[in-house]
Amino acid sequence: MTTKRSGFRQRLRQWKVPALLVNKYVFTLFVFGVWMTFFDQNNFMRQYRRIAELNAVKSKTAYYESETAKAKKQLQALQNDQKALERFAREKYYMKKPNEDVFVIIDK
C-alpha cells in the first residue's frame, strides 16, 4: 500500500505540483475554496453583491424615513396653522387672493 502512495507522490512531483497541495487537508481546503468562490449557489462574489445591495437599501430606507418625518411635520403644521396652509397653497399651487397679482420668478 505504501508503494501506491509513493508512486502517486512521485507522479505529482513529475507534474511539478507544489508540495503544499500534496497534503490532503490543504488540498481539500483548496478545493473547498475554489468551489465556494466560483461554483456554489451562495458563492463569495454573490454574497458581496448582496451585502452591497443591502447597504444601499438601508440607506434608501433611512432617507425615506426622514422624508416621511418631514412630511408628517408639514401635515401637522398645515392642519393646525391657517397661515402655514395659506403659504403652502401660494408656494405650491400658485393660488392667490382675488385682488392680487402673482409673479413667478424662476432662478437659473
PDB file of N, CA and C in Angstrom:
ATOM      1  N   MET A   1       0.815  -1.186   0.000  1.00  0.00           N
ATOM      2  CA  MET A   1       0.000   0.000   0.000  1.00  0.00           C
ATOM      3  C   MET A   1       0.866   1.262   0.000  1.00  0.00           C
ATOM      4  N   THR A   2       1.989   1.228   0.664  1.00  0.00           N
ATOM      5  CA  THR A   2       2.865   2.395   0.667  1.00  0.00           C
ATOM      6  C   THR A   2       3.480   2.632  -0.699  1.00  0.00           C
ATOM      7  N   THR A   3       3.605   1.582  -1.478  1.00  0.00           N
ATOM      8  CA  THR A   3       4.192   1.763  -2.806  1.00  0.00           C
ATOM      9  C   THR A   3       3.242   2.531  -3.719  1.00  0.00           C
ATOM     10  N   LYS A   4       1.928   2.317  -3.544  1.00  0.00           N
ATOM     11  CA  LYS A   4       0.969   3.067  -4.361  1.00  0.00           C
ATOM     12  C   LYS A   4       1.035   4.548  -4.039  1.00  0.00           C
ATOM     13  N   ARG A   5       1.097   4.841  -2.735  1.00  0.00           N
ATOM     14  CA  ARG A   5       1.150   6.259  -2.346  1.00  0.00           C
ATOM     15  C   ARG A   5       2.451   6.902  -2.801  1.00  0.00           C
ATOM     16  N   SER A   6       3.534   6.222  -2.616  1.00  0.00           N
ATOM     17  CA  SER A   6       4.809   6.813  -3.016  1.00  0.00           C
ATOM     18  C   SER A   6       4.854   6.970  -4.528  1.00  0.00           C
ATOM     19  N   GLY A   7       4.246   6.034  -5.265  1.00  0.00           N
ATOM     20  CA  GLY A   7       4.172   6.171  -6.720  1.00  0.00           C
ATOM     21  C   GLY A   7       3.327   7.364  -7.112  1.00  0.00           C
ATOM     22  N   PHE A   8       2.239   7.577  -6.387  1.00  0.00           N
ATOM     23  CA  PHE A   8       1.373   8.718  -6.652  1.00  0.00           C
ATOM     24  C   PHE A   8       2.108  10.024  -6.389  1.00  0.00           C
ATOM     25  N   ARG A   9       2.845  10.064  -5.292  1.00  0.00           N
ATOM     26  CA  ARG A   9       3.592  11.293  -4.972  1.00  0.00           C
ATOM     27  C   ARG A   9       4.694  11.556  -5.989  1.00  0.00           C
ATOM     28  N   GLN A  10       5.304  10.497  -6.468  1.00  0.00           N
ATOM     29  CA  GLN A  10       6.344  10.689  -7.483  1.00  0.00           C
ATOM     30  C   GLN A  10       5.743  11.234  -8.776  1.00  0.00           C
ATOM     31  N   ARG A  11       4.554  10.737  -9.136  1.00  0.00           N
ATOM     32  CA  ARG A  11       3.894  11.266 -10.328  1.00  0.00           C
ATOM     33  C   ARG A  11       3.536  12.743 -10.139  1.00  0.00           C
ATOM     34  N   LEU A  12       3.092  13.101  -8.912  1.00  0.00           N
ATOM     35  CA  LEU A  12       2.787  14.507  -8.652  1.00  0.00           C
ATOM     36  C   LEU A  12       4.040  15.373  -8.764  1.00  0.00           C
ATOM     37  N   ARG A  13       5.151  14.844  -8.304  1.00  0.00           N
ATOM     38  CA  ARG A  13       6.402  15.603  -8.414  1.00  0.00           C
ATOM     39  C   ARG A  13       6.806  15.776  -9.876  1.00  0.00           C
ATOM     40  N   GLN A  14       6.540  14.762 -10.677  1.00  0.00           N
ATOM     41  CA  GLN A  14       6.859  14.861 -12.096  1.00  0.00           C
ATOM     42  C   GLN A  14       5.998  15.955 -12.749  1.00  0.00           C
ATOM     43  N   TRP A  15       4.776  16.089 -12.280  1.00  0.00           N
ATOM     44  CA  TRP A  15       3.875  17.109 -12.825  1.00  0.00           C
ATOM     45  C   TRP A  15       4.149  18.487 -12.229  1.00  0.00           C
ATOM     46  N   LYS A  16       5.116  18.553 -11.339  1.00  0.00           N
ATOM     47  CA  LYS A  16       5.535  19.792 -10.679  1.00  0.00           C
ATOM     48  C   LYS A  16       4.398  20.424  -9.866  1.00  0.00           C
ATOM     49  N   VAL A  17       3.659  19.588  -9.137  1.00  0.00           N
ATOM     50  CA  VAL A  17       2.617  20.053  -8.230  1.00  0.00           C
ATOM     51  C   VAL A  17       3.306  20.532  -6.960  1.00  0.00           C
ATOM     52  N   PRO A  18       2.954  21.704  -6.440  1.00  0.00           N
ATOM     53  CA  PRO A  18       3.592  22.198  -5.212  1.00  0.00           C
ATOM     54  C   PRO A  18       3.413  21.206  -4.063  1.00  0.00           C
ATOM     55  N   ALA A  19       4.423  21.104  -3.238  1.00  0.00           N
ATOM     56  CA  ALA A  19       4.404  20.141  -2.137  1.00  0.00           C
ATOM     57  C   ALA A  19       3.265  20.430  -1.162  1.00  0.00           C
ATOM     58  N   LEU A  20       2.871  21.668  -1.056  1.00  0.00           N
ATOM     59  CA  LEU A  20       1.790  22.032  -0.145  1.00  0.00           C
ATOM     60  C   LEU A  20       0.467  21.403  -0.573  1.00  0.00           C
ATOM     61  N   LEU A  21       0.225  21.277  -1.873  1.00  0.00           N
ATOM     62  CA  LEU A  21      -1.030  20.697  -2.352  1.00  0.00           C
ATOM     63  C   LEU A  21      -1.062  19.180  -2.244  1.00  0.00           C
ATOM     64  N   VAL A  22       0.061  18.566  -1.969  1.00  0.00           N
ATOM     65  CA  VAL A  22       0.098  17.109  -1.812  1.00  0.00           C
ATOM     66  C   VAL A  22      -0.577  16.720  -0.497  1.00  0.00           C
ATOM     67  N   ASN A  23      -0.537  17.597   0.487  1.00  0.00           N
ATOM     68  CA  ASN A  23      -1.198  17.337   1.769  1.00  0.00           C
ATOM     69  C   ASN A  23      -2.707  17.285   1.531  1.00  0.00           C
ATOM     70  N   LYS A  24      -3.356  16.217   2.005  1.00  0.00           N
ATOM     71  CA  LYS A  24      -4.780  16.026   1.698  1.00  0.00           C
ATOM     72  C   LYS A  24      -5.663  17.085   2.355  1.00  0.00           C
ATOM     73  N   TYR A  25      -5.275  17.601   3.495  1.00  0.00           N
ATOM     74  CA  TYR A  25      -6.072  18.620   4.175  1.00  0.00           C
ATOM     75  C   TYR A  25      -5.986  19.962   3.437  1.00  0.00           C
ATOM     76  N   VAL A  26      -4.801  20.306   3.025  1.00  0.00           N
ATOM     77  CA  VAL A  26      -4.611  21.549   2.283  1.00  0.00           C
ATOM     78  C   VAL A  26      -5.306  21.451   0.933  1.00  0.00           C
ATOM     79  N   PHE A  27      -5.194  20.279   0.294  1.00  0.00           N
ATOM     80  CA  PHE A  27      -5.861  20.076  -0.986  1.00  0.00           C
ATOM     81  C   PHE A  27      -7.376  20.197  -0.838  1.00  0.00           C
ATOM     82  N   THR A  28      -7.930  19.597   0.228  1.00  0.00           N
ATOM     83  CA  THR A  28      -9.375  19.682   0.471  1.00  0.00           C
ATOM     84  C   THR A  28      -9.791  21.121   0.718  1.00  0.00           C
ATOM     85  N   LEU A  29      -9.017  21.847   1.498  1.00  0.00           N
ATOM     86  CA  LEU A  29      -9.303  23.253   1.749  1.00  0.00           C
ATOM     87  C   LEU A  29      -9.229  24.073   0.464  1.00  0.00           C
ATOM     88  N   PHE A  30      -8.270  23.769  -0.385  1.00  0.00           N
ATOM     89  CA  PHE A  30      -8.133  24.461  -1.665  1.00  0.00           C
ATOM     90  C   PHE A  30      -9.345  24.200  -2.562  1.00  0.00           C
ATOM     91  N   VAL A  31      -9.761  22.951  -2.657  1.00  0.00           N
ATOM     92  CA  VAL A  31     -10.925  22.600  -3.484  1.00  0.00           C
ATOM     93  C   VAL A  31     -12.177  23.282  -2.929  1.00  0.00           C
ATOM     94  N   PHE A  32     -12.331  23.290  -1.600  1.00  0.00           N
ATOM     95  CA  PHE A  32     -13.471  23.947  -0.978  1.00  0.00           C
ATOM     96  C   PHE A  32     -13.477  25.439  -1.296  1.00  0.00           C
ATOM     97  N   GLY A  33     -12.321  26.060  -1.220  1.00  0.00           N
ATOM     98  CA  GLY A  33     -12.224  27.495  -1.522  1.00  0.00           C
ATOM     99  C   GLY A  33     -12.578  27.805  -2.964  1.00  0.00           C
ATOM    100  N   VAL A  34     -12.098  26.991  -3.884  1.00  0.00           N
ATOM    101  CA  VAL A  34     -12.427  27.196  -5.299  1.00  0.00           C
ATOM    102  C   VAL A  34     -13.925  26.993  -5.510  1.00  0.00           C
ATOM    103  N   TRP A  35     -14.472  25.961  -4.893  1.00  0.00           N
ATOM    104  CA  TRP A  35     -15.904  25.683  -5.042  1.00  0.00           C
ATOM    105  C   TRP A  35     -16.743  26.847  -4.509  1.00  0.00           C
ATOM    106  N   MET A  36     -16.405  27.350  -3.326  1.00  0.00           N
ATOM    107  CA  MET A  36     -17.177  28.435  -2.717  1.00  0.00           C
ATOM    108  C   MET A  36     -17.001  29.753  -3.471  1.00  0.00           C
ATOM    109  N   THR A  37     -15.870  29.929  -4.106  1.00  0.00           N
ATOM    110  CA  THR A  37     -15.629  31.175  -4.816  1.00  0.00           C
ATOM    111  C   THR A  37     -16.354  31.230  -6.154  1.00  0.00           C
ATOM    112  N   PHE A  38     -16.426  30.115  -6.870  1.00  0.00           N
ATOM    113  CA  PHE A  38     -16.940  30.175  -8.234  1.00  0.00           C
ATOM    114  C   PHE A  38     -18.221  29.382  -8.491  1.00  0.00           C
ATOM    115  N   PHE A  39     -18.406  28.224  -7.876  1.00  0.00           N
ATOM    116  CA  PHE A  39     -19.452  27.311  -8.315  1.00  0.00           C
ATOM    117  C   PHE A  39     -20.664  27.222  -7.404  1.00  0.00           C
ATOM    118  N   ASP A  40     -20.553  27.559  -6.156  1.00  0.00           N
ATOM    119  CA  ASP A  40     -21.661  27.379  -5.220  1.00  0.00           C
ATOM    120  C   ASP A  40     -22.765  28.405  -5.487  1.00  0.00           C
ATOM    121  N   GLN A  41     -23.988  28.054  -5.101  1.00  0.00           N
ATOM    122  CA  GLN A  41     -25.121  28.954  -5.310  1.00  0.00           C
ATOM    123  C   GLN A  41     -24.946  30.244  -4.501  1.00  0.00           C
ATOM    124  N   ASN A  42     -24.361  30.155  -3.341  1.00  0.00           N
ATOM    125  CA  ASN A  42     -24.126  31.321  -2.485  1.00  0.00           C
ATOM    126  C   ASN A  42     -22.629  31.622  -2.416  1.00  0.00           C
ATOM    127  N   ASN A  43     -22.002  31.782  -3.568  1.00  0.00           N
ATOM    128  CA  ASN A  43     -20.562  31.996  -3.588  1.00  0.00           C
ATOM    129  C   ASN A  43     -20.193  33.366  -3.022  1.00  0.00           C
ATOM    130  N   PHE A  44     -18.906  33.565  -2.816  1.00  0.00           N
ATOM    131  CA  PHE A  44     -18.426  34.770  -2.150  1.00  0.00           C
ATOM    132  C   PHE A  44     -18.753  36.033  -2.943  1.00  0.00           C
ATOM    133  N   MET A  45     -18.649  35.964  -4.254  1.00  0.00           N
ATOM    134  CA  MET A  45     -18.918  37.155  -5.066  1.00  0.00           C
ATOM    135  C   MET A  45     -20.392  37.551  -4.974  1.00  0.00           C
ATOM    136  N   ARG A  46     -21.281  36.586  -5.004  1.00  0.00           N
ATOM    137  CA  ARG A  46     -22.709  36.871  -4.900  1.00  0.00           C
ATOM    138  C   ARG A  46     -23.032  37.419  -3.502  1.00  0.00           C
ATOM    139  N   GLN A  47     -22.390  36.872  -2.475  1.00  0.00           N
ATOM    140  CA  GLN A  47     -22.614  37.388  -1.124  1.00  0.00           C
ATOM    141  C   GLN A  47     -22.150  38.832  -1.012  1.00  0.00           C
ATOM    142  N   TYR A  48     -21.022  39.163  -1.632  1.00  0.00           N
ATOM    143  CA  TYR A  48     -20.520  40.539  -1.602  1.00  0.00           C
ATOM    144  C   TYR A  48     -21.520  41.482  -2.274  1.00  0.00           C
ATOM    145  N   ARG A  49     -22.068  41.061  -3.432  1.00  0.00           N
ATOM    146  CA  ARG A  49     -23.048  41.891  -4.120  1.00  0.00           C
ATOM    147  C   ARG A  49     -24.310  42.059  -3.286  1.00  0.00           C
ATOM    148  N   ARG A  50     -24.728  40.998  -2.621  1.00  0.00           N
ATOM    149  CA  ARG A  50     -25.929  41.085  -1.784  1.00  0.00           C
ATOM    150  C   ARG A  50     -25.718  42.009  -0.593  1.00  0.00           C
ATOM    151  N   ILE A  51     -24.541  41.977   0.002  1.00  0.00           N
ATOM    152  CA  ILE A  51     -24.245  42.875   1.120  1.00  0.00           C
ATOM    153  C   ILE A  51     -24.242  44.326   0.644  1.00  0.00           C
ATOM    154  N   ALA A  52     -23.666  44.572  -0.530  1.00  0.00           N
ATOM    155  CA  ALA A  52     -23.671  45.933  -1.092  1.00  0.00           C
ATOM    156  C   ALA A  52     -25.100  46.386  -1.377  1.00  0.00           C
ATOM    157  N   GLU A  53     -25.916  45.488  -1.910  1.00  0.00           N
ATOM    158  CA  GLU A  53     -27.315  45.829  -2.189  1.00  0.00           C
ATOM    159  C   GLU A  53     -28.078  46.099  -0.891  1.00  0.00           C
ATOM    160  N   LEU A  54     -27.804  45.312   0.139  1.00  0.00           N
ATOM    161  CA  LEU A  54     -28.445  45.518   1.439  1.00  0.00           C
ATOM    162  C   LEU A  54     -28.075  46.880   2.013  1.00  0.00           C
ATOM    163  N   ASN A  55     -26.821  47.269   1.917  1.00  0.00           N
ATOM    164  CA  ASN A  55     -26.399  48.580   2.415  1.00  0.00           C
ATOM    165  C   ASN A  55     -27.072  49.711   1.640  1.00  0.00           C
ATOM    166  N   ALA A  56     -27.230  49.533   0.329  1.00  0.00           N
ATOM    167  CA  ALA A  56     -27.914  50.557  -0.468  1.00  0.00           C
ATOM    168  C   ALA A  56     -29.379  50.675  -0.053  1.00  0.00           C
ATOM    169  N   VAL A  57     -30.013  49.546   0.188  1.00  0.00           N
ATOM    170  CA  VAL A  57     -31.424  49.568   0.602  1.00  0.00           C
ATOM    171  C   VAL A  57     -31.564  50.192   1.989  1.00  0.00           C
ATOM    172  N   LYS A  58     -30.624  49.920   2.871  1.00  0.00           N
ATOM    173  CA  LYS A  58     -30.674  50.533   4.209  1.00  0.00           C
ATOM    174  C   LYS A  58     -30.537  52.053   4.119  1.00  0.00           C
ATOM    175  N   SER A  59     -29.654  52.534   3.250  1.00  0.00           N
ATOM    176  CA  SER A  59     -29.502  53.990   3.119  1.00  0.00           C
ATOM    177  C   SER A  59     -30.760  54.613   2.513  1.00  0.00           C
ATOM    178  N   LYS A  60     -31.387  53.929   1.543  1.00  0.00           N
ATOM    179  CA  LYS A  60     -32.636  54.436   0.987  1.00  0.00           C
ATOM    180  C   LYS A  60     -33.736  54.453   2.045  1.00  0.00           C
ATOM    181  N   THR A  61     -33.764  53.422   2.883  1.00  0.00           N
ATOM    182  CA  THR A  61     -34.766  53.355   3.951  1.00  0.00           C
ATOM    183  C   THR A  61     -34.607  54.528   4.910  1.00  0.00           C
ATOM    184  N   ALA A  62     -33.374  54.829   5.277  1.00  0.00           N
ATOM    185  CA  ALA A  62     -33.126  55.958   6.172  1.00  0.00           C
ATOM    186  C   ALA A  62     -33.572  57.270   5.518  1.00  0.00           C
ATOM    187  N   TYR A  63     -33.291  57.428   4.225  1.00  0.00           N
ATOM    188  CA  TYR A  63     -33.700  58.639   3.510  1.00  0.00           C
ATOM    189  C   TYR A  63     -35.226  58.774   3.512  1.00  0.00           C
ATOM    190  N   TYR A  64     -35.932  57.702   3.177  1.00  0.00           N
ATOM    191  CA  TYR A  64     -37.388  57.779   3.099  1.00  0.00           C
ATOM    192  C   TYR A  64     -38.025  57.942   4.474  1.00  0.00           C
ATOM    193  N   GLU A  65     -37.403  57.404   5.508  1.00  0.00           N
ATOM    194  CA  GLU A  65     -37.923  57.626   6.859  1.00  0.00           C
ATOM    195  C   GLU A  65     -37.793  59.095   7.259  1.00  0.00           C
ATOM    196  N   SER A  66     -36.679  59.719   6.892  1.00  0.00           N
ATOM    197  CA  SER A  66     -36.515  61.147   7.208  1.00  0.00           C
ATOM    198  C   SER A  66     -37.495  61.993   6.398  1.00  0.00           C
ATOM    199  N   GLU A  67     -37.715  61.634   5.143  1.00  0.00           N
ATOM    200  CA  GLU A  67     -38.685  62.370   4.324  1.00  0.00           C
ATOM    201  C   GLU A  67     -40.103  62.195   4.872  1.00  0.00           C
ATOM    202  N   THR A  68     -40.423  61.007   5.362  1.00  0.00           N
ATOM    203  CA  THR A  68     -41.735  60.772   5.961  1.00  0.00           C
ATOM    204  C   THR A  68     -41.918  61.614   7.213  1.00  0.00           C
ATOM    205  N   ALA A  69     -40.877  61.722   8.022  1.00  0.00           N
ATOM    206  CA  ALA A  69     -40.947  62.552   9.225  1.00  0.00           C
ATOM    207  C   ALA A  69     -41.169  64.021   8.854  1.00  0.00           C
ATOM    208  N   LYS A  70     -40.483  64.500   7.808  1.00  0.00           N
ATOM    209  CA  LYS A  70     -40.677  65.884   7.361  1.00  0.00           C
ATOM    210  C   LYS A  70     -42.107  66.102   6.869  1.00  0.00           C
ATOM    211  N   ALA A  71     -42.618  65.138   6.107  1.00  0.00           N
ATOM    212  CA  ALA A  71     -43.979  65.266   5.577  1.00  0.00           C
ATOM    213  C   ALA A  71     -45.009  65.257   6.698  1.00  0.00           C
ATOM    214  N   LYS A  72     -44.793  64.430   7.723  1.00  0.00           N
ATOM    215  CA  LYS A  72     -45.723  64.400   8.864  1.00  0.00           C
ATOM    216  C   LYS A  72     -45.701  65.721   9.616  1.00  0.00           C
ATOM    217  N   LYS A  73     -44.516  66.291   9.767  1.00  0.00           N
ATOM    218  CA  LYS A  73     -44.396  67.580  10.449  1.00  0.00           C
ATOM    219  C   LYS A  73     -45.100  68.675   9.646  1.00  0.00           C
ATOM    220  N   GLN A  74     -44.929  68.643   8.327  1.00  0.00           N
ATOM    221  CA  GLN A  74     -45.580  69.630   7.473  1.00  0.00           C
ATOM    222  C   GLN A  74     -47.100  69.450   7.503  1.00  0.00           C
ATOM    223  N   LEU A  75     -47.574  68.223   7.504  1.00  0.00           N
ATOM    224  CA  LEU A  75     -49.006  67.959   7.573  1.00  0.00           C
ATOM    225  C   LEU A  75     -49.588  68.462   8.888  1.00  0.00           C
ATOM    226  N   GLN A  76     -48.876  68.235   9.961  1.00  0.00           N
ATOM    227  CA  GLN A  76     -49.325  68.716  11.276  1.00  0.00           C
ATOM    228  C   GLN A  76     -49.431  70.239  11.267  1.00  0.00           C
ATOM    229  N   ALA A  77     -48.428  70.904  10.675  1.00  0.00           N
ATOM    230  CA  ALA A  77     -48.451  72.365  10.611  1.00  0.00           C
ATOM    231  C   ALA A  77     -49.605  72.851   9.740  1.00  0.00           C
ATOM    232  N   LEU A  78     -49.876  72.179   8.628  1.00  0.00           N
ATOM    233  CA  LEU A  78     -50.958  72.596   7.737  1.00  0.00           C
ATOM    234  C   LEU A  78     -52.326  72.386   8.376  1.00  0.00           C
ATOM    235  N   GLN A  79     -52.461  71.375   9.197  1.00  0.00           N
ATOM    236  CA  GLN A  79     -53.739  71.114   9.842  1.00  0.00           C
ATOM    237  C   GLN A  79     -54.022  72.081  10.985  1.00  0.00           C
ATOM    238  N   ASN A  80     -52.984  72.614  11.605  1.00  0.00           N
ATOM    239  CA  ASN A  80     -53.164  73.439  12.804  1.00  0.00           C
ATOM    240  C   ASN A  80     -52.985  74.936  12.565  1.00  0.00           C
ATOM    241  N   ASP A  81     -52.291  75.335  11.527  1.00  0.00           N
ATOM    242  CA  ASP A  81     -51.955  76.742  11.331  1.00  0.00           C
ATOM    243  C   ASP A  81     -52.522  77.236   9.994  1.00  0.00           C
ATOM    244  N   GLN A  82     -53.408  78.198  10.057  1.00  0.00           N
ATOM    245  CA  GLN A  82     -54.051  78.723   8.846  1.00  0.00           C
ATOM    246  C   GLN A  82     -53.054  79.469   7.967  1.00  0.00           C
ATOM    247  N   LYS A  83     -52.100  80.189   8.588  1.00  0.00           N
ATOM    248  CA  LYS A  83     -51.105  80.925   7.801  1.00  0.00           C
ATOM    249  C   LYS A  83     -50.173  79.964   7.060  1.00  0.00           C
ATOM    250  N   ALA A  84     -49.834  78.850   7.690  1.00  0.00           N
ATOM    251  CA  ALA A  84     -48.987  77.862   7.024  1.00  0.00           C
ATOM    252  C   ALA A  84     -49.721  77.235   5.845  1.00  0.00           C
ATOM    253  N   LEU A  85     -51.009  76.990   5.995  1.00  0.00           N
ATOM    254  CA  LEU A  85     -51.814  76.445   4.905  1.00  0.00           C
ATOM    255  C   LEU A  85     -51.880  77.431   3.737  1.00  0.00           C
ATOM    256  N   GLU A  86     -52.064  78.699   4.046  1.00  0.00           N
ATOM    257  CA  GLU A  86     -52.116  79.721   3.002  1.00  0.00           C
ATOM    258  C   GLU A  86     -50.766  79.834   2.286  1.00  0.00           C
ATOM    259  N   ARG A  87     -49.695  79.810   3.046  1.00  0.00           N
ATOM    260  CA  ARG A  87     -48.358  79.885   2.460  1.00  0.00           C
ATOM    261  C   ARG A  87     -48.098  78.685   1.549  1.00  0.00           C
ATOM    262  N   PHE A  88     -48.478  77.481   1.996  1.00  0.00           N
ATOM    263  CA  PHE A  88     -48.301  76.268   1.199  1.00  0.00           C
ATOM    264  C   PHE A  88     -49.078  76.367  -0.115  1.00  0.00           C
ATOM    265  N   ALA A  89     -50.318  76.825  -0.038  1.00  0.00           N
ATOM    266  CA  ALA A  89     -51.144  76.956  -1.239  1.00  0.00           C
ATOM    267  C   ALA A  89     -50.540  77.967  -2.212  1.00  0.00           C
ATOM    268  N   ARG A  90     -50.004  79.054  -1.709  1.00  0.00           N
ATOM    269  CA  ARG A  90     -49.401  80.066  -2.581  1.00  0.00           C
ATOM    270  C   ARG A  90     -48.117  79.552  -3.238  1.00  0.00           C
ATOM    271  N   GLU A  91     -47.279  78.839  -2.454  1.00  0.00           N
ATOM    272  CA  GLU A  91     -45.986  78.396  -2.984  1.00  0.00           C
ATOM    273  C   GLU A  91     -46.118  77.210  -3.930  1.00  0.00           C
ATOM    274  N   LYS A  92     -46.947  76.255  -3.586  1.00  0.00           N
ATOM    275  CA  LYS A  92     -47.016  75.021  -4.373  1.00  0.00           C
ATOM    276  C   LYS A  92     -48.017  75.086  -5.522  1.00  0.00           C
ATOM    277  N   TYR A  93     -49.128  75.750  -5.303  1.00  0.00           N
ATOM    278  CA  TYR A  93     -50.200  75.741  -6.303  1.00  0.00           C
ATOM    279  C   TYR A  93     -50.466  77.118  -6.908  1.00  0.00           C
ATOM    280  N   TYR A  94     -49.647  78.098  -6.578  1.00  0.00           N
ATOM    281  CA  TYR A  94     -49.742  79.453  -7.123  1.00  0.00           C
ATOM    282  C   TYR A  94     -51.149  80.044  -6.946  1.00  0.00           C
ATOM    283  N   MET A  95     -51.775  79.784  -5.831  1.00  0.00           N
ATOM    284  CA  MET A  95     -53.094  80.354  -5.547  1.00  0.00           C
ATOM    285  C   MET A  95     -52.918  81.791  -5.090  1.00  0.00           C
ATOM    286  N   LYS A  96     -53.975  82.581  -5.262  1.00  0.00           N
ATOM    287  CA  LYS A  96     -53.900  83.991  -4.881  1.00  0.00           C
ATOM    288  C   LYS A  96     -55.269  84.454  -4.408  1.00  0.00           C
ATOM    289  N   LYS A  97     -55.236  85.588  -3.747  1.00  0.00           N
ATOM    290  CA  LYS A  97     -56.485  86.226  -3.344  1.00  0.00           C
ATOM    291  C   LYS A  97     -57.065  86.944  -4.556  1.00  0.00           C
ATOM    292  N   PRO A  98     -58.358  87.228  -4.553  1.00  0.00           N
ATOM    293  CA  PRO A  98     -58.983  87.831  -5.745  1.00  0.00           C
ATOM    294  C   PRO A  98     -58.385  89.171  -6.167  1.00  0.00           C
ATOM    295  N   ASN A  99     -57.853  89.951  -5.273  1.00  0.00           N
ATOM    296  CA  ASN A  99     -57.351  91.273  -5.658  1.00  0.00           C
ATOM    297  C   ASN A  99     -55.824  91.297  -5.795  1.00  0.00           C
ATOM    298  N   GLU A 100     -55.159  90.170  -5.952  1.00  0.00           N
ATOM    299  CA  GLU A 100     -53.700  90.104  -6.038  1.00  0.00           C
ATOM    300  C   GLU A 100     -53.255  89.664  -7.429  1.00  0.00           C
ATOM    301  N   ASP A 101     -52.035  90.032  -7.754  1.00  0.00           N
ATOM    302  CA  ASP A 101     -51.371  89.528  -8.953  1.00  0.00           C
ATOM    303  C   ASP A 101     -50.202  88.661  -8.499  1.00  0.00           C
ATOM    304  N   VAL A 102     -49.972  87.554  -9.192  1.00  0.00           N
ATOM    305  CA  VAL A 102     -48.891  86.619  -8.839  1.00  0.00           C
ATOM    306  C   VAL A 102     -47.815  86.669  -9.915  1.00  0.00           C
ATOM    307  N   PHE A 103     -46.571  86.857  -9.481  1.00  0.00           N
ATOM    308  CA  PHE A 103     -45.448  86.831 -10.387  1.00  0.00           C
ATOM    309  C   PHE A 103     -44.555  85.672  -9.981  1.00  0.00           C
ATOM    310  N   VAL A 104     -44.275  84.793 -10.912  1.00  0.00           N
ATOM    311  CA  VAL A 104     -43.408  83.637 -10.651  1.00  0.00           C
ATOM    312  C   VAL A 104     -42.029  83.938 -11.210  1.00  0.00           C
ATOM    313  N   ILE A 105     -41.028  83.898 -10.328  1.00  0.00           N
ATOM    314  CA  ILE A 105     -39.655  84.164 -10.733  1.00  0.00           C
ATOM    315  C   ILE A 105     -38.872  82.856 -10.596  1.00  0.00           C
ATOM    316  N   ILE A 106     -38.277  82.433 -11.688  1.00  0.00           N
ATOM    317  CA  ILE A 106     -37.512  81.181 -11.705  1.00  0.00           C
ATOM    318  C   ILE A 106     -36.030  81.523 -11.792  1.00  0.00           C
ATOM    319  N   ASP A 107     -35.248  81.037 -10.835  1.00  0.00           N
ATOM    320  CA  ASP A 107     -33.803  81.237 -10.849  1.00  0.00           C
ATOM    321  C   ASP A 107     -33.165  80.139 -11.686  1.00  0.00           C
ATOM    322  N   LYS A 108     -32.193  80.539 -12.498  1.00  0.00           N
ATOM    323  CA  LYS A 108     -31.490  79.551 -13.311  1.00  0.00           C
ATOM    324  C   LYS A 108     -30.069  79.408 -12.848  1.00  0.00           C
TER     325      LYS A 108
END
